[in-house]
Amino acid sequence: MLVDENGFAVLHEPSLGNRRPATASKGHFTGHLMVGEWPGRLLYTESLLEQNWAHCLDAHPMTKVLREQVAFEWQAAPRKFRTHYFDLLVEQVDGRRIAYPVKPKARLTPKFMGEIAQVAQQAKMSGFVDDVRLLTDVDLDPTELSNARLTYGMRKPDAEADAAAVDVLGVSAGVASLGELTARIGLGARGYRALIRLVRKGRLRSVRHERLTHDTEVFHVGEPA
């Protein structure tokens, strides 16, 4: 159970999915994570690949709302309708809706590709989504995933450290390493975690595409739009 600094329970929001995966399976991985602002909303995953992509999409600056198992009724043949469940769906900050089927490359059979092409065409033509983008294990960026998992693990707010980090950014200019900024904050690991939260919120951005460490150089990009 999540609790706040006073010991009171902190409740997450329920899943928005149209179908709930099995909570346990002998044949494959099942799991869940909390997405969105702390304490978050429950999101179920049916594979490790889905969970990895959910982490990346949840951490992406364009993501406003992330949902799973979103139902779409499509026409497979004359007078024959079926329901497809998109593994993940993102409502972006610019208002666009992007649906994501998630599948290992080894399982991209001609039958699946033919069916998902029909589903994607109908989903876009009907206005259900603006685009459909297939996500595979080959497309997954290990650096992006590592940073998404790191920022996810440090997302719990710390009012004192978060305020101190913002104050330090207010008097800092140019490029500095996360280690240097941590030292300026003066709260040790709490200050470092506060900086990681600012990276996740888009207030800090790394100079290079690399895994976040104390040596990572970052710059302040101000309040998000």
Protein backbone atom coordinates (compact mmCIF):
# COMPACT_ATOMS: atom_id res chain seq x y z
CA MET A 1 0.00 0.00 0.00
CA LEU A 2 1.20 3.49 -0.85
CA VAL A 3 1.16 5.97 2.01
CA ASP A 4 1.89 9.69 2.25
CA GLU A 5 4.21 11.41 4.74
CA ASN A 6 1.43 11.34 7.35
CA GLY A 7 0.78 7.62 6.98
CA PHE A 8 -2.50 7.99 5.08
CA ALA A 9 -3.24 5.67 2.18
CA VAL A 10 -2.61 7.05 -1.32
CA LEU A 11 -4.99 5.48 -3.82
CA HIS A 12 -4.28 5.09 -7.51
CA GLU A 13 -6.94 5.40 -10.22
CA PRO A 14 -8.43 2.25 -11.80
CA SER A 15 -7.46 1.00 -15.24
CA LEU A 16 -9.18 2.52 -18.30
CA GLY A 17 -8.75 -0.67 -20.34
CA ASN A 18 -11.76 -2.27 -22.04
CA ARG A 19 -10.47 -5.74 -21.25
CA ARG A 20 -8.49 -6.92 -18.25
CA PRO A 21 -5.78 -9.51 -18.93
CA ALA A 22 -5.47 -12.58 -16.74
CA THR A 23 -3.72 -11.72 -13.48
CA ALA A 24 -1.53 -14.82 -13.77
CA SER A 25 -0.45 -17.14 -16.54
CA LYS A 26 1.83 -20.16 -16.79
CA GLY A 27 2.50 -19.43 -20.44
CA HIS A 28 3.63 -15.82 -20.43
CA PHE A 29 4.42 -12.73 -18.40
CA THR A 30 1.63 -10.61 -16.93
CA GLY A 31 2.05 -7.50 -14.86
CA HIS A 32 1.03 -3.91 -14.22
CA LEU A 33 2.42 -0.44 -13.60
CA MET A 34 1.12 2.97 -12.55
CA VAL A 35 1.02 5.56 -15.32
CA GLY A 36 0.51 9.31 -15.30
CA GLU A 37 1.02 11.70 -12.43
CA TRP A 38 1.69 10.26 -8.97
CA PRO A 39 0.15 8.14 -7.52
CA GLY A 40 -0.98 7.19 -11.02
CA ARG A 41 -3.49 5.01 -12.77
CA LEU A 42 -3.29 1.23 -13.01
CA LEU A 43 -2.28 -0.18 -16.40
CA TYR A 44 -2.16 -3.93 -17.04
CA THR A 45 0.31 -5.61 -19.38
CA GLU A 46 0.21 -9.08 -20.93
CA SER A 47 3.89 -9.40 -21.80
CA LEU A 48 7.25 -8.02 -20.79
CA LEU A 49 7.47 -6.35 -24.20
CA GLU A 50 4.17 -4.56 -23.56
CA GLN A 51 5.38 -3.43 -20.15
CA ASN A 52 8.66 -2.13 -21.58
CA TRP A 53 6.84 -0.14 -24.25
CA ALA A 54 4.34 1.15 -21.68
CA HIS A 55 7.27 2.50 -19.64
CA CYS A 56 8.69 4.27 -22.70
CA LEU A 57 5.37 5.74 -23.80
CA ASP A 58 4.46 6.85 -20.28
CA ALA A 59 7.77 8.72 -20.01
CA HIS A 60 7.51 10.30 -23.48
CA PRO A 61 6.94 14.09 -23.42
CA MET A 62 4.16 13.85 -26.03
CA THR A 63 2.06 11.47 -23.92
CA LYS A 64 -0.92 12.97 -22.11
CA VAL A 65 -2.95 9.81 -21.39
CA LEU A 66 -1.81 6.21 -21.83
CA ARG A 67 -4.41 3.41 -21.93
CA GLU A 68 -4.26 -0.32 -22.53
CA GLN A 69 -6.52 -2.91 -24.21
CA VAL A 70 -8.67 -0.37 -26.06
CA ALA A 71 -11.53 -1.99 -27.99
CA PHE A 72 -12.25 -1.23 -31.65
CA GLU A 73 -14.98 -2.95 -33.66
CA TRP A 74 -13.93 -3.64 -37.25
CA GLN A 75 -15.43 -5.37 -40.25
CA ALA A 76 -13.57 -8.54 -41.17
CA ALA A 77 -15.98 -9.49 -43.99
CA PRO A 78 -19.47 -8.49 -45.19
CA ARG A 79 -21.83 -8.67 -42.19
CA LYS A 80 -18.98 -10.01 -40.05
CA PHE A 81 -17.71 -7.71 -37.30
CA ARG A 82 -14.97 -8.45 -34.80
CA THR A 83 -13.41 -6.62 -31.86
CA HIS A 84 -9.72 -5.79 -31.88
CA TYR A 85 -8.05 -4.70 -28.66
CA PHE A 86 -5.17 -2.30 -29.21
CA ASP A 87 -2.46 -3.17 -26.69
CA LEU A 88 -1.69 0.49 -25.98
CA LEU A 89 -3.24 3.80 -26.99
CA VAL A 90 -1.82 7.27 -26.41
CA GLU A 91 -3.73 10.52 -26.30
CA GLN A 92 -0.99 13.03 -27.09
CA VAL A 93 -0.59 16.54 -25.76
CA ASP A 94 -1.34 17.84 -29.28
CA GLY A 95 -4.70 16.05 -29.31
CA ARG A 96 -3.73 13.20 -31.66
CA ARG A 97 -4.68 9.61 -30.75
CA ILE A 98 -2.12 6.94 -31.63
CA ALA A 99 -2.89 3.22 -31.27
CA TYR A 100 -0.06 0.74 -30.74
CA PRO A 101 -0.22 -3.01 -31.39
CA VAL A 102 2.76 -4.62 -29.61
CA LYS A 103 4.26 -7.80 -31.05
CA PRO A 104 7.68 -9.51 -31.11
CA LYS A 105 9.16 -9.41 -34.61
CA ALA A 106 9.37 -13.21 -34.65
CA ARG A 107 5.57 -13.38 -34.36
CA LEU A 108 4.77 -11.01 -37.22
CA THR A 109 3.10 -13.61 -39.43
CA PRO A 110 1.54 -12.77 -42.82
CA LYS A 111 -1.89 -13.49 -41.30
CA PHE A 112 -1.32 -11.03 -38.45
CA MET A 113 0.11 -8.35 -40.73
CA GLY A 114 -2.82 -8.66 -43.12
CA GLU A 115 -5.35 -8.40 -40.30
CA ILE A 116 -3.70 -5.50 -38.49
CA ALA A 117 -3.48 -3.61 -41.80
CA GLN A 118 -7.27 -3.90 -42.18
CA VAL A 119 -7.84 -2.89 -38.56
CA ALA A 120 -5.50 0.10 -38.89
CA GLN A 121 -7.15 1.31 -42.09
CA GLN A 122 -10.64 1.14 -40.60
CA ALA A 123 -9.56 2.68 -37.28
CA LYS A 124 -8.08 5.69 -39.12
CA MET A 125 -10.89 6.07 -41.66
CA SER A 126 -13.52 6.00 -38.90
CA GLY A 127 -11.69 8.68 -36.91
CA PHE A 128 -11.18 6.33 -33.97
CA VAL A 129 -7.45 7.12 -34.03
CA ASP A 130 -5.16 9.34 -36.07
CA ASP A 131 -2.54 6.66 -36.62
CA VAL A 132 -1.66 3.04 -35.84
CA ARG A 133 1.99 2.18 -35.21
CA LEU A 134 3.31 -1.34 -34.68
CA LEU A 135 5.84 -1.72 -31.85
CA THR A 136 8.26 -4.65 -31.78
CA ASP A 137 11.24 -5.76 -29.72
CA VAL A 138 13.56 -4.64 -32.52
CA ASP A 139 12.29 -1.05 -32.26
CA LEU A 140 12.87 -0.80 -28.51
CA ASP A 141 15.74 1.56 -27.60
CA PRO A 142 17.64 0.16 -24.57
CA THR A 143 18.74 3.65 -23.50
CA GLU A 144 15.22 5.05 -23.68
CA LEU A 145 13.90 2.06 -21.72
CA SER A 146 16.60 2.35 -19.06
CA ASN A 147 15.85 6.04 -18.53
CA ALA A 148 12.10 5.45 -18.50
CA ARG A 149 12.49 2.79 -15.81
CA LEU A 150 14.84 4.99 -13.79
CA THR A 151 12.50 8.00 -13.83
CA TYR A 152 9.54 5.71 -13.06
CA GLY A 153 11.29 4.40 -9.96
CA MET A 154 11.94 7.93 -8.67
CA ARG A 155 8.59 9.52 -9.51
CA LYS A 156 7.27 9.76 -5.92
CA PRO A 157 7.26 13.47 -4.92
CA ASP A 158 9.41 14.86 -2.11
CA ALA A 159 8.14 18.39 -1.45
CA GLU A 160 11.29 19.74 0.20
CA ALA A 161 13.74 18.24 -2.29
CA ASP A 162 11.57 19.11 -5.29
CA ALA A 163 11.33 22.75 -4.21
CA ALA A 164 15.07 22.90 -3.58
CA ALA A 165 15.80 21.47 -7.01
CA VAL A 166 13.59 24.06 -8.69
CA ASP A 167 15.32 26.83 -6.72
CA VAL A 168 18.76 25.61 -7.85
CA LEU A 169 17.63 25.54 -11.49
CA GLY A 170 16.39 29.10 -11.09
CA VAL A 171 19.91 30.36 -10.41
CA SER A 172 21.76 27.94 -12.71
CA ALA A 173 22.54 28.67 -16.34
CA GLY A 174 24.07 26.64 -19.13
CA VAL A 175 25.03 22.99 -18.93
CA ALA A 176 25.81 21.09 -15.72
CA SER A 177 25.99 17.45 -14.73
CA LEU A 178 23.34 15.87 -12.56
CA GLY A 179 26.06 15.28 -9.98
CA GLU A 180 26.97 18.98 -9.91
CA LEU A 181 23.35 20.02 -9.53
CA THR A 182 22.86 17.43 -6.79
CA ALA A 183 25.74 18.96 -4.85
CA ARG A 184 24.23 22.43 -5.22
CA ILE A 185 20.90 21.20 -3.84
CA GLY A 186 22.65 19.81 -0.77
CA LEU A 187 20.22 17.02 0.07
CA GLY A 188 22.21 14.05 -1.19
CA ALA A 189 20.24 11.28 -2.87
CA ARG A 190 16.98 13.15 -2.31
CA GLY A 191 18.25 15.98 -4.46
CA TYR A 192 19.34 13.57 -7.19
CA ARG A 193 15.91 11.94 -7.24
CA ALA A 194 14.30 15.39 -7.47
CA LEU A 195 16.41 16.14 -10.54
CA ILE A 196 15.39 12.86 -12.15
CA ARG A 197 11.75 13.84 -11.62
CA LEU A 198 12.46 17.11 -13.42
CA VAL A 199 13.94 15.14 -16.31
CA ARG A 200 10.76 13.06 -16.48
CA LYS A 201 8.63 16.23 -16.44
CA GLY A 202 10.67 17.76 -19.24
CA ARG A 203 12.13 20.57 -17.11
CA LEU A 204 15.62 19.16 -17.57
CA ARG A 205 16.98 17.63 -20.76
CA SER A 206 20.20 15.72 -21.30
CA VAL A 207 22.73 17.04 -23.79
CA ARG A 208 23.30 13.60 -25.29
CA HIS A 209 21.16 10.52 -25.79
CA GLU A 210 22.61 8.38 -23.02
CA ARG A 211 21.67 6.53 -19.87
CA LEU A 212 21.10 8.93 -16.99
CA THR A 213 23.86 8.94 -14.36
CA HIS A 214 25.46 11.52 -12.06
CA ASP A 215 27.82 12.35 -14.96
CA THR A 216 25.01 13.11 -17.44
CA GLU A 217 25.11 16.73 -18.57
CA VAL A 218 21.73 18.46 -18.65
CA PHE A 219 20.27 21.89 -19.32
CA HIS A 220 17.17 23.69 -18.05
CA VAL A 221 14.34 24.03 -20.60
CA GLY A 222 11.90 25.87 -18.33
CA GLU A 223 8.25 25.16 -17.72
CA PRO A 224 6.64 22.70 -20.15
CA ALA A 225 4.16 24.18 -22.59
